[in-house]
Amino acid sequence: METVFNYDTPVIALAKLNKEGYTIDYNQEFDELFSESDDFTIDYLYRYEGITDPGDESSVYGIRNTISGHKGVFVAGNLSVIEGRKRDIIINLEIRSKQTQN
């Protein structure tokens, strides 16, 4: 997983990922990610932190299904305010991606 901090803007990160084939919006199309979360990995992670307000934190994830090859993005503000299963899946994907890096 490639982690990039303060990469211009989330819009630029999304455009770059789109050019690389990350076209599914997993914020809207969450069913596949929900039902097959073990088949996914995070390829790219762009983090943005507010200069003065931690509430301005956001992340853009480039996510790939390692079986089907489907690629998409998930955009999150502060993960602590995302509800239930979505938060758990994203956090577990981050943990797994970090473990495979080491």
PDB file of N, CA and C in Angstrom:
ATOM      1  N   MET A   1       0.856  -1.172   0.000  1.00  0.00           N
ATOM      2  CA  MET A   1       0.000   0.000   0.000  1.00  0.00           C
ATOM      3  C   MET A   1       0.894   1.224   0.000  1.00  0.00           C
ATOM      4  N   GLU A   2       0.615   2.123  -0.890  1.00  0.00           N
ATOM      5  CA  GLU A   2       1.334   3.389  -0.940  1.00  0.00           C
ATOM      6  C   GLU A   2       0.517   4.427  -0.190  1.00  0.00           C
ATOM      7  N   THR A   3       1.113   5.029   0.841  1.00  0.00           N
ATOM      8  CA  THR A   3       0.435   6.066   1.611  1.00  0.00           C
ATOM      9  C   THR A   3       1.037   7.411   1.254  1.00  0.00           C
ATOM     10  N   VAL A   4       0.179   8.356   0.906  1.00  0.00           N
ATOM     11  CA  VAL A   4       0.620   9.693   0.552  1.00  0.00           C
ATOM     12  C   VAL A   4      -0.080  10.668   1.486  1.00  0.00           C
ATOM     13  N   PHE A   5       0.691  11.559   2.107  1.00  0.00           N
ATOM     14  CA  PHE A   5       0.127  12.571   2.993  1.00  0.00           C
ATOM     15  C   PHE A   5       0.092  13.914   2.271  1.00  0.00           C
ATOM     16  N   ASN A   6      -1.029  14.619   2.422  1.00  0.00           N
ATOM     17  CA  ASN A   6      -1.173  15.970   1.872  1.00  0.00           C
ATOM     18  C   ASN A   6      -0.872  16.044   0.380  1.00  0.00           C
ATOM     19  N   TYR A   7      -1.440  15.147  -0.391  1.00  0.00           N
ATOM     20  CA  TYR A   7      -1.298  15.122  -1.835  1.00  0.00           C
ATOM     21  C   TYR A   7      -2.268  16.132  -2.420  1.00  0.00           C
ATOM     22  N   ASP A   8      -1.789  17.292  -2.811  1.00  0.00           N
ATOM     23  CA  ASP A   8      -2.591  18.389  -3.361  1.00  0.00           C
ATOM     24  C   ASP A   8      -4.012  18.442  -2.776  1.00  0.00           C
ATOM     25  N   THR A   9      -4.982  17.820  -3.431  1.00  0.00           N
ATOM     26  CA  THR A   9      -6.357  17.831  -2.937  1.00  0.00           C
ATOM     27  C   THR A   9      -6.985  16.455  -3.155  1.00  0.00           C
ATOM     28  N   PRO A  10      -8.057  16.156  -2.430  1.00  0.00           N
ATOM     29  CA  PRO A  10      -8.748  14.890  -2.685  1.00  0.00           C
ATOM     30  C   PRO A  10      -9.243  14.764  -4.130  1.00  0.00           C
ATOM     31  N   VAL A  11      -9.645  15.866  -4.729  1.00  0.00           N
ATOM     32  CA  VAL A  11     -10.124  15.836  -6.117  1.00  0.00           C
ATOM     33  C   VAL A  11      -9.014  15.379  -7.060  1.00  0.00           C
ATOM     34  N   ILE A  12      -7.798  15.857  -6.843  1.00  0.00           N
ATOM     35  CA  ILE A  12      -6.672  15.445  -7.677  1.00  0.00           C
ATOM     36  C   ILE A  12      -6.341  13.976  -7.439  1.00  0.00           C
ATOM     37  N   ALA A  13      -6.390  13.552  -6.190  1.00  0.00           N
ATOM     38  CA  ALA A  13      -6.141  12.137  -5.877  1.00  0.00           C
ATOM     39  C   ALA A  13      -7.184  11.251  -6.568  1.00  0.00           C
ATOM     40  N   LEU A  14      -8.447  11.637  -6.522  1.00  0.00           N
ATOM     41  CA  LEU A  14      -9.504  10.865  -7.168  1.00  0.00           C
ATOM     42  C   LEU A  14      -9.313  10.815  -8.680  1.00  0.00           C
ATOM     43  N   ALA A  15      -8.898  11.921  -9.279  1.00  0.00           N
ATOM     44  CA  ALA A  15      -8.655  11.951 -10.727  1.00  0.00           C
ATOM     45  C   ALA A  15      -7.501  11.027 -11.100  1.00  0.00           C
ATOM     46  N   LYS A  16      -6.434  11.039 -10.312  1.00  0.00           N
ATOM     47  CA  LYS A  16      -5.289  10.165 -10.562  1.00  0.00           C
ATOM     48  C   LYS A  16      -5.707   8.698 -10.458  1.00  0.00           C
ATOM     49  N   LEU A  17      -6.439   8.361  -9.414  1.00  0.00           N
ATOM     50  CA  LEU A  17      -6.893   6.982  -9.243  1.00  0.00           C
ATOM     51  C   LEU A  17      -7.827   6.570 -10.376  1.00  0.00           C
ATOM     52  N   ASN A  18      -8.691   7.471 -10.813  1.00  0.00           N
ATOM     53  CA  ASN A  18      -9.593   7.177 -11.920  1.00  0.00           C
ATOM     54  C   ASN A  18      -8.808   6.830 -13.178  1.00  0.00           C
ATOM     55  N   LYS A  19      -7.750   7.566 -13.453  1.00  0.00           N
ATOM     56  CA  LYS A  19      -6.897   7.287 -14.624  1.00  0.00           C
ATOM     57  C   LYS A  19      -6.244   5.916 -14.523  1.00  0.00           C
ATOM     58  N   GLU A  20      -6.039   5.440 -13.302  1.00  0.00           N
ATOM     59  CA  GLU A  20      -5.417   4.137 -13.093  1.00  0.00           C
ATOM     60  C   GLU A  20      -6.457   3.019 -12.988  1.00  0.00           C
ATOM     61  N   GLY A  21      -7.718   3.331 -13.284  1.00  0.00           N
ATOM     62  CA  GLY A  21      -8.757   2.307 -13.338  1.00  0.00           C
ATOM     63  C   GLY A  21      -9.574   2.132 -12.080  1.00  0.00           C
ATOM     64  N   TYR A  22      -9.399   2.986 -11.105  1.00  0.00           N
ATOM     65  CA  TYR A  22     -10.182   2.923  -9.867  1.00  0.00           C
ATOM     66  C   TYR A  22     -11.463   3.714 -10.088  1.00  0.00           C
ATOM     67  N   THR A  23     -12.444   3.057 -10.710  1.00  0.00           N
ATOM     68  CA  THR A  23     -13.628   3.774 -11.185  1.00  0.00           C
ATOM     69  C   THR A  23     -14.888   3.522 -10.360  1.00  0.00           C
ATOM     70  N   ILE A  24     -14.903   2.485  -9.541  1.00  0.00           N
ATOM     71  CA  ILE A  24     -16.089   2.189  -8.733  1.00  0.00           C
ATOM     72  C   ILE A  24     -16.089   3.088  -7.500  1.00  0.00           C
ATOM     73  N   ASP A  25     -17.217   3.680  -7.202  1.00  0.00           N
ATOM     74  CA  ASP A  25     -17.354   4.492  -5.994  1.00  0.00           C
ATOM     75  C   ASP A  25     -17.889   3.591  -4.887  1.00  0.00           C
ATOM     76  N   TYR A  26     -16.977   3.089  -4.033  1.00  0.00           N
ATOM     77  CA  TYR A  26     -17.385   2.180  -2.975  1.00  0.00           C
ATOM     78  C   TYR A  26     -18.150   2.870  -1.849  1.00  0.00           C
ATOM     79  N   ASN A  27     -18.220   4.185  -1.850  1.00  0.00           N
ATOM     80  CA  ASN A  27     -19.114   4.859  -0.919  1.00  0.00           C
ATOM     81  C   ASN A  27     -20.570   4.592  -1.325  1.00  0.00           C
ATOM     82  N   GLN A  28     -20.818   4.487  -2.636  1.00  0.00           N
ATOM     83  CA  GLN A  28     -22.160   4.224  -3.159  1.00  0.00           C
ATOM     84  C   GLN A  28     -22.398   2.736  -3.411  1.00  0.00           C
ATOM     85  N   GLU A  29     -21.396   2.052  -3.922  1.00  0.00           N
ATOM     86  CA  GLU A  29     -21.487   0.637  -4.302  1.00  0.00           C
ATOM     87  C   GLU A  29     -20.788  -0.220  -3.250  1.00  0.00           C
ATOM     88  N   PHE A  30     -21.288  -0.207  -2.030  1.00  0.00           N
ATOM     89  CA  PHE A  30     -20.590  -0.849  -0.920  1.00  0.00           C
ATOM     90  C   PHE A  30     -20.902  -2.338  -0.790  1.00  0.00           C
ATOM     91  N   ASP A  31     -21.908  -2.847  -1.501  1.00  0.00           N
ATOM     92  CA  ASP A  31     -22.337  -4.237  -1.322  1.00  0.00           C
ATOM     93  C   ASP A  31     -21.216  -5.245  -1.572  1.00  0.00           C
ATOM     94  N   GLU A  32     -20.481  -5.093  -2.684  1.00  0.00           N
ATOM     95  CA  GLU A  32     -19.388  -6.019  -2.994  1.00  0.00           C
ATOM     96  C   GLU A  32     -18.316  -5.965  -1.907  1.00  0.00           C
ATOM     97  N   LEU A  33     -17.953  -4.780  -1.501  1.00  0.00           N
ATOM     98  CA  LEU A  33     -16.955  -4.612  -0.448  1.00  0.00           C
ATOM     99  C   LEU A  33     -17.468  -5.198   0.871  1.00  0.00           C
ATOM    100  N   PHE A  34     -18.736  -5.023   1.135  1.00  0.00           N
ATOM    101  CA  PHE A  34     -19.342  -5.533   2.362  1.00  0.00           C
ATOM    102  C   PHE A  34     -19.355  -7.062   2.382  1.00  0.00           C
ATOM    103  N   SER A  35     -19.753  -7.679   1.279  1.00  0.00           N
ATOM    104  CA  SER A  35     -19.923  -9.137   1.262  1.00  0.00           C
ATOM    105  C   SER A  35     -18.624  -9.896   0.996  1.00  0.00           C
ATOM    106  N   GLU A  36     -17.633  -9.234   0.406  1.00  0.00           N
ATOM    107  CA  GLU A  36     -16.390  -9.922   0.047  1.00  0.00           C
ATOM    108  C   GLU A  36     -15.158  -9.175   0.565  1.00  0.00           C
ATOM    109  N   SER A  37     -15.251  -8.608   1.754  1.00  0.00           N
ATOM    110  CA  SER A  37     -14.174  -7.743   2.254  1.00  0.00           C
ATOM    111  C   SER A  37     -12.819  -8.446   2.344  1.00  0.00           C
ATOM    112  N   ASP A  38     -12.811  -9.759   2.551  1.00  0.00           N
ATOM    113  CA  ASP A  38     -11.539 -10.480   2.638  1.00  0.00           C
ATOM    114  C   ASP A  38     -10.803 -10.528   1.302  1.00  0.00           C
ATOM    115  N   ASP A  39     -11.518 -10.261   0.201  1.00  0.00           N
ATOM    116  CA  ASP A  39     -10.908 -10.294  -1.128  1.00  0.00           C
ATOM    117  C   ASP A  39     -10.321  -8.949  -1.545  1.00  0.00           C
ATOM    118  N   PHE A  40     -10.420  -7.941  -0.691  1.00  0.00           N
ATOM    119  CA  PHE A  40      -9.984  -6.599  -1.061  1.00  0.00           C
ATOM    120  C   PHE A  40      -8.667  -6.217  -0.392  1.00  0.00           C
ATOM    121  N   THR A  41      -7.973  -5.313  -1.053  1.00  0.00           N
ATOM    122  CA  THR A  41      -6.761  -4.735  -0.486  1.00  0.00           C
ATOM    123  C   THR A  41      -6.731  -3.249  -0.829  1.00  0.00           C
ATOM    124  N   ILE A  42      -6.033  -2.490  -0.007  1.00  0.00           N
ATOM    125  CA  ILE A  42      -5.854  -1.063  -0.271  1.00  0.00           C
ATOM    126  C   ILE A  42      -4.533  -0.903  -1.022  1.00  0.00           C
ATOM    127  N   ASP A  43      -4.609  -0.370  -2.234  1.00  0.00           N
ATOM    128  CA  ASP A  43      -3.401  -0.113  -3.016  1.00  0.00           C
ATOM    129  C   ASP A  43      -2.834   1.272  -2.744  1.00  0.00           C
ATOM    130  N   TYR A  44      -3.709   2.244  -2.586  1.00  0.00           N
ATOM    131  CA  TYR A  44      -3.302   3.631  -2.359  1.00  0.00           C
ATOM    132  C   TYR A  44      -4.111   4.225  -1.214  1.00  0.00           C
ATOM    133  N   LEU A  45      -3.446   5.036  -0.429  1.00  0.00           N
ATOM    134  CA  LEU A  45      -4.112   5.743   0.660  1.00  0.00           C
ATOM    135  C   LEU A  45      -3.581   7.165   0.700  1.00  0.00           C
ATOM    136  N   TYR A  46      -4.465   8.117   0.472  1.00  0.00           N
ATOM    137  CA  TYR A  46      -4.118   9.537   0.534  1.00  0.00           C
ATOM    138  C   TYR A  46      -4.751  10.105   1.789  1.00  0.00           C
ATOM    139  N   ARG A  47      -3.933  10.653   2.670  1.00  0.00           N
ATOM    140  CA  ARG A  47      -4.430  11.217   3.935  1.00  0.00           C
ATOM    141  C   ARG A  47      -4.296  12.743   3.897  1.00  0.00           C
ATOM    142  N   TYR A  48      -5.315  13.382   4.412  1.00  0.00           N
ATOM    143  CA  TYR A  48      -5.337  14.840   4.523  1.00  0.00           C
ATOM    144  C   TYR A  48      -5.669  15.195   5.948  1.00  0.00           C
ATOM    145  N   GLU A  49      -4.860  16.045   6.532  1.00  0.00           N
ATOM    146  CA  GLU A  49      -5.098  16.468   7.912  1.00  0.00           C
ATOM    147  C   GLU A  49      -5.243  17.980   7.940  1.00  0.00           C
ATOM    148  N   GLY A  50      -6.242  18.436   8.688  1.00  0.00           N
ATOM    149  CA  GLY A  50      -6.452  19.866   8.807  1.00  0.00           C
ATOM    150  C   GLY A  50      -5.297  20.524   9.534  1.00  0.00           C
ATOM    151  N   ILE A  51      -4.884  21.678   9.067  1.00  0.00           N
ATOM    152  CA  ILE A  51      -3.758  22.380   9.673  1.00  0.00           C
ATOM    153  C   ILE A  51      -4.069  22.772  11.105  1.00  0.00           C
ATOM    154  N   THR A  52      -5.282  23.246  11.352  1.00  0.00           N
ATOM    155  CA  THR A  52      -5.619  23.687  12.704  1.00  0.00           C
ATOM    156  C   THR A  52      -6.766  22.904  13.333  1.00  0.00           C
ATOM    157  N   ASP A  53      -7.533  22.192  12.515  1.00  0.00           N
ATOM    158  CA  ASP A  53      -8.715  21.507  13.035  1.00  0.00           C
ATOM    159  C   ASP A  53      -8.660  20.021  12.695  1.00  0.00           C
ATOM    160  N   PRO A  54      -8.488  19.149  13.692  1.00  0.00           N
ATOM    161  CA  PRO A  54      -8.461  17.708  13.418  1.00  0.00           C
ATOM    162  C   PRO A  54      -9.742  17.205  12.753  1.00  0.00           C
ATOM    163  N   GLY A  55     -10.819  17.960  12.869  1.00  0.00           N
ATOM    164  CA  GLY A  55     -12.069  17.602  12.217  1.00  0.00           C
ATOM    165  C   GLY A  55     -11.998  17.696  10.706  1.00  0.00           C
ATOM    166  N   ASP A  56     -10.955  18.328  10.189  1.00  0.00           N
ATOM    167  CA  ASP A  56     -10.780  18.449   8.740  1.00  0.00           C
ATOM    168  C   ASP A  56     -10.092  17.228   8.136  1.00  0.00           C
ATOM    169  N   GLU A  57      -9.839  16.205   8.941  1.00  0.00           N
ATOM    170  CA  GLU A  57      -9.168  15.001   8.465  1.00  0.00           C
ATOM    171  C   GLU A  57     -10.013  14.289   7.414  1.00  0.00           C
ATOM    172  N   SER A  58      -9.354  13.778   6.368  1.00  0.00           N
ATOM    173  CA  SER A  58     -10.042  12.952   5.380  1.00  0.00           C
ATOM    174  C   SER A  58      -9.041  11.988   4.750  1.00  0.00           C
ATOM    175  N   SER A  59      -9.570  10.939   4.140  1.00  0.00           N
ATOM    176  CA  SER A  59      -8.740   9.926   3.491  1.00  0.00           C
ATOM    177  C   SER A  59      -9.398   9.495   2.195  1.00  0.00           C
ATOM    178  N   VAL A  60      -8.560   9.235   1.182  1.00  0.00           N
ATOM    179  CA  VAL A  60      -9.014   8.683  -0.087  1.00  0.00           C
ATOM    180  C   VAL A  60      -8.308   7.346  -0.252  1.00  0.00           C
ATOM    181  N   TYR A  61      -9.089   6.284  -0.413  1.00  0.00           N
ATOM    182  CA  TYR A  61      -8.549   4.936  -0.536  1.00  0.00           C
ATOM    183  C   TYR A  61      -8.703   4.434  -1.969  1.00  0.00           C
ATOM    184  N   GLY A  62      -7.638   3.902  -2.542  1.00  0.00           N
ATOM    185  CA  GLY A  62      -7.695   3.180  -3.813  1.00  0.00           C
ATOM    186  C   GLY A  62      -7.757   1.701  -3.465  1.00  0.00           C
ATOM    187  N   ILE A  63      -8.906   1.067  -3.688  1.00  0.00           N
ATOM    188  CA  ILE A  63      -9.168  -0.289  -3.220  1.00  0.00           C
ATOM    189  C   ILE A  63      -9.350  -1.228  -4.415  1.00  0.00           C
ATOM    190  N   ARG A  64      -8.772  -2.433  -4.311  1.00  0.00           N
ATOM    191  CA  ARG A  64      -8.845  -3.415  -5.398  1.00  0.00           C
ATOM    192  C   ARG A  64      -9.317  -4.762  -4.860  1.00  0.00           C
ATOM    193  N   ASN A  65     -10.197  -5.409  -5.619  1.00  0.00           N
ATOM    194  CA  ASN A  65     -10.600  -6.777  -5.316  1.00  0.00           C
ATOM    195  C   ASN A  65      -9.534  -7.683  -5.921  1.00  0.00           C
ATOM    196  N   THR A  66      -8.825  -8.429  -5.086  1.00  0.00           N
ATOM    197  CA  THR A  66      -7.698  -9.238  -5.549  1.00  0.00           C
ATOM    198  C   THR A  66      -8.145 -10.450  -6.358  1.00  0.00           C
ATOM    199  N   ILE A  67      -9.424 -10.803  -6.302  1.00  0.00           N
ATOM    200  CA  ILE A  67      -9.952 -11.940  -7.068  1.00  0.00           C
ATOM    201  C   ILE A  67     -10.510 -11.470  -8.413  1.00  0.00           C
ATOM    202  N   SER A  68     -11.414 -10.516  -8.384  1.00  0.00           N
ATOM    203  CA  SER A  68     -12.088 -10.069  -9.614  1.00  0.00           C
ATOM    204  C   SER A  68     -11.305  -8.989 -10.358  1.00  0.00           C
ATOM    205  N   GLY A  69     -10.428  -8.285  -9.639  1.00  0.00           N
ATOM    206  CA  GLY A  69      -9.692  -7.182 -10.259  1.00  0.00           C
ATOM    207  C   GLY A  69     -10.447  -5.867 -10.252  1.00  0.00           C
ATOM    208  N   HIS A  70     -11.682  -5.856  -9.747  1.00  0.00           N
ATOM    209  CA  HIS A  70     -12.446  -4.607  -9.681  1.00  0.00           C
ATOM    210  C   HIS A  70     -11.694  -3.604  -8.823  1.00  0.00           C
ATOM    211  N   LYS A  71     -11.651  -2.351  -9.288  1.00  0.00           N
ATOM    212  CA  LYS A  71     -10.940  -1.304  -8.555  1.00  0.00           C
ATOM    213  C   LYS A  71     -11.855  -0.105  -8.361  1.00  0.00           C
ATOM    214  N   GLY A  72     -11.730   0.491  -7.183  1.00  0.00           N
ATOM    215  CA  GLY A  72     -12.544   1.656  -6.900  1.00  0.00           C
ATOM    216  C   GLY A  72     -11.966   2.481  -5.772  1.00  0.00           C
ATOM    217  N   VAL A  73     -12.724   3.459  -5.374  1.00  0.00           N
ATOM    218  CA  VAL A  73     -12.278   4.384  -4.334  1.00  0.00           C
ATOM    219  C   VAL A  73     -13.292   4.419  -3.202  1.00  0.00           C
ATOM    220  N   PHE A  74     -12.784   4.744  -2.030  1.00  0.00           N
ATOM    221  CA  PHE A  74     -13.624   5.002  -0.871  1.00  0.00           C
ATOM    222  C   PHE A  74     -13.081   6.275  -0.240  1.00  0.00           C
ATOM    223  N   VAL A  75     -13.947   7.249  -0.011  1.00  0.00           N
ATOM    224  CA  VAL A  75     -13.538   8.522   0.571  1.00  0.00           C
ATOM    225  C   VAL A  75     -14.175   8.632   1.946  1.00  0.00           C
ATOM    226  N   ALA A  76     -13.342   8.956   2.933  1.00  0.00           N
ATOM    227  CA  ALA A  76     -13.837   9.042   4.304  1.00  0.00           C
ATOM    228  C   ALA A  76     -13.331  10.311   4.960  1.00  0.00           C
ATOM    229  N   GLY A  77     -14.176  10.894   5.756  1.00  0.00           N
ATOM    230  CA  GLY A  77     -13.734  11.962   6.640  1.00  0.00           C
ATOM    231  C   GLY A  77     -13.084  11.298   7.837  1.00  0.00           C
ATOM    232  N   ASN A  78     -13.323  11.783   8.978  1.00  0.00           N
ATOM    233  CA  ASN A  78     -12.818  11.184  10.201  1.00  0.00           C
ATOM    234  C   ASN A  78     -13.456   9.800  10.378  1.00  0.00           C
ATOM    235  N   LEU A  79     -12.632   8.741  10.407  1.00  0.00           N
ATOM    236  CA  LEU A  79     -13.169   7.380  10.495  1.00  0.00           C
ATOM    237  C   LEU A  79     -14.013   7.145  11.744  1.00  0.00           C
ATOM    238  N   SER A  80     -13.779   7.917  12.785  1.00  0.00           N
ATOM    239  CA  SER A  80     -14.539   7.697  14.016  1.00  0.00           C
ATOM    240  C   SER A  80     -16.009   8.077  13.875  1.00  0.00           C
ATOM    241  N   VAL A  81     -16.359   8.835  12.843  1.00  0.00           N
ATOM    242  CA  VAL A  81     -17.764   9.211  12.671  1.00  0.00           C
ATOM    243  C   VAL A  81     -18.475   8.359  11.618  1.00  0.00           C
ATOM    244  N   ILE A  82     -17.752   7.452  10.959  1.00  0.00           N
ATOM    245  CA  ILE A  82     -18.389   6.529  10.018  1.00  0.00           C
ATOM    246  C   ILE A  82     -19.063   5.432  10.831  1.00  0.00           C
ATOM    247  N   GLU A  83     -20.238   5.043  10.399  1.00  0.00           N
ATOM    248  CA  GLU A  83     -21.022   4.102  11.177  1.00  0.00           C
ATOM    249  C   GLU A  83     -20.606   2.652  10.963  1.00  0.00           C
ATOM    250  N   GLY A  84     -20.608   1.902  12.039  1.00  0.00           N
ATOM    251  CA  GLY A  84     -20.547   0.461  12.111  1.00  0.00           C
ATOM    252  C   GLY A  84     -19.676  -0.304  11.145  1.00  0.00           C
ATOM    253  N   ARG A  85     -20.322  -1.095  10.304  1.00  0.00           N
ATOM    254  CA  ARG A  85     -19.636  -2.073   9.459  1.00  0.00           C
ATOM    255  C   ARG A  85     -18.704  -1.411   8.442  1.00  0.00           C
ATOM    256  N   LYS A  86     -19.081  -0.279   7.865  1.00  0.00           N
ATOM    257  CA  LYS A  86     -18.194   0.403   6.911  1.00  0.00           C
ATOM    258  C   LYS A  86     -16.871   0.754   7.585  1.00  0.00           C
ATOM    259  N   ARG A  87     -16.953   1.341   8.754  1.00  0.00           N
ATOM    260  CA  ARG A  87     -15.742   1.715   9.496  1.00  0.00           C
ATOM    261  C   ARG A  87     -14.900   0.480   9.794  1.00  0.00           C
ATOM    262  N   ASP A  88     -15.544  -0.579  10.263  1.00  0.00           N
ATOM    263  CA  ASP A  88     -14.817  -1.805  10.607  1.00  0.00           C
ATOM    264  C   ASP A  88     -14.100  -2.392   9.400  1.00  0.00           C
ATOM    265  N   ILE A  89     -14.768  -2.425   8.256  1.00  0.00           N
ATOM    266  CA  ILE A  89     -14.159  -2.977   7.047  1.00  0.00           C
ATOM    267  C   ILE A  89     -12.955  -2.146   6.627  1.00  0.00           C
ATOM    268  N   ILE A  90     -13.091  -0.831   6.604  1.00  0.00           N
ATOM    269  CA  ILE A  90     -11.984   0.031   6.182  1.00  0.00           C
ATOM    270  C   ILE A  90     -10.807  -0.097   7.147  1.00  0.00           C
ATOM    271  N   ILE A  91     -11.071  -0.097   8.433  1.00  0.00           N
ATOM    272  CA  ILE A  91      -9.988  -0.233   9.416  1.00  0.00           C
ATOM    273  C   ILE A  91      -9.296  -1.585   9.255  1.00  0.00           C
ATOM    274  N   ASN A  92     -10.070  -2.665   9.069  1.00  0.00           N
ATOM    275  CA  ASN A  92      -9.469  -3.979   8.873  1.00  0.00           C
ATOM    276  C   ASN A  92      -8.643  -4.039   7.590  1.00  0.00           C
ATOM    277  N   LEU A  93      -9.114  -3.396   6.528  1.00  0.00           N
ATOM    278  CA  LEU A  93      -8.340  -3.345   5.285  1.00  0.00           C
ATOM    279  C   LEU A  93      -7.018  -2.607   5.499  1.00  0.00           C
ATOM    280  N   GLU A  94      -7.070  -1.506   6.245  1.00  0.00           N
ATOM    281  CA  GLU A  94      -5.831  -0.762   6.543  1.00  0.00           C
ATOM    282  C   GLU A  94      -4.858  -1.631   7.328  1.00  0.00           C
ATOM    283  N   ILE A  95      -5.350  -2.313   8.337  1.00  0.00           N
ATOM    284  CA  ILE A  95      -4.485  -3.167   9.166  1.00  0.00           C
ATOM    285  C   ILE A  95      -3.861  -4.262   8.313  1.00  0.00           C
ATOM    286  N   ARG A  96      -4.675  -4.952   7.508  1.00  0.00           N
ATOM    287  CA  ARG A  96      -4.147  -6.021   6.649  1.00  0.00           C
ATOM    288  C   ARG A  96      -3.131  -5.494   5.651  1.00  0.00           C
ATOM    289  N   SER A  97      -3.406  -4.334   5.076  1.00  0.00           N
ATOM    290  CA  SER A  97      -2.486  -3.761   4.082  1.00  0.00           C
ATOM    291  C   SER A  97      -1.158  -3.396   4.721  1.00  0.00           C
ATOM    292  N   LYS A  98      -1.187  -2.875   5.933  1.00  0.00           N
ATOM    293  CA  LYS A  98       0.052  -2.536   6.648  1.00  0.00           C
ATOM    294  C   LYS A  98       0.832  -3.789   7.015  1.00  0.00           C
ATOM    295  N   GLN A  99       0.126  -4.861   7.384  1.00  0.00           N
ATOM    296  CA  GLN A  99       0.795  -6.101   7.752  1.00  0.00           C
ATOM    297  C   GLN A  99       1.487  -6.752   6.561  1.00  0.00           C
ATOM    298  N   THR A 100       0.885  -6.642   5.369  1.00  0.00           N
ATOM    299  CA  THR A 100       1.500  -7.235   4.190  1.00  0.00           C
ATOM    300  C   THR A 100       2.710  -6.433   3.710  1.00  0.00           C
ATOM    301  N   GLN A 101       2.771  -5.158   4.103  1.00  0.00           N
ATOM    302  CA  GLN A 101       3.923  -4.319   3.755  1.00  0.00           C
ATOM    303  C   GLN A 101       5.159  -4.736   4.536  1.00  0.00           C
ATOM    304  N   ASN A 102       4.977  -5.168   5.759  1.00  0.00           N
ATOM    305  CA  ASN A 102       6.110  -5.487   6.645  1.00  0.00           C
ATOM    306  C   ASN A 102       6.643  -6.863   6.424  1.00  0.00           C
TER     307      ASN A 102
END
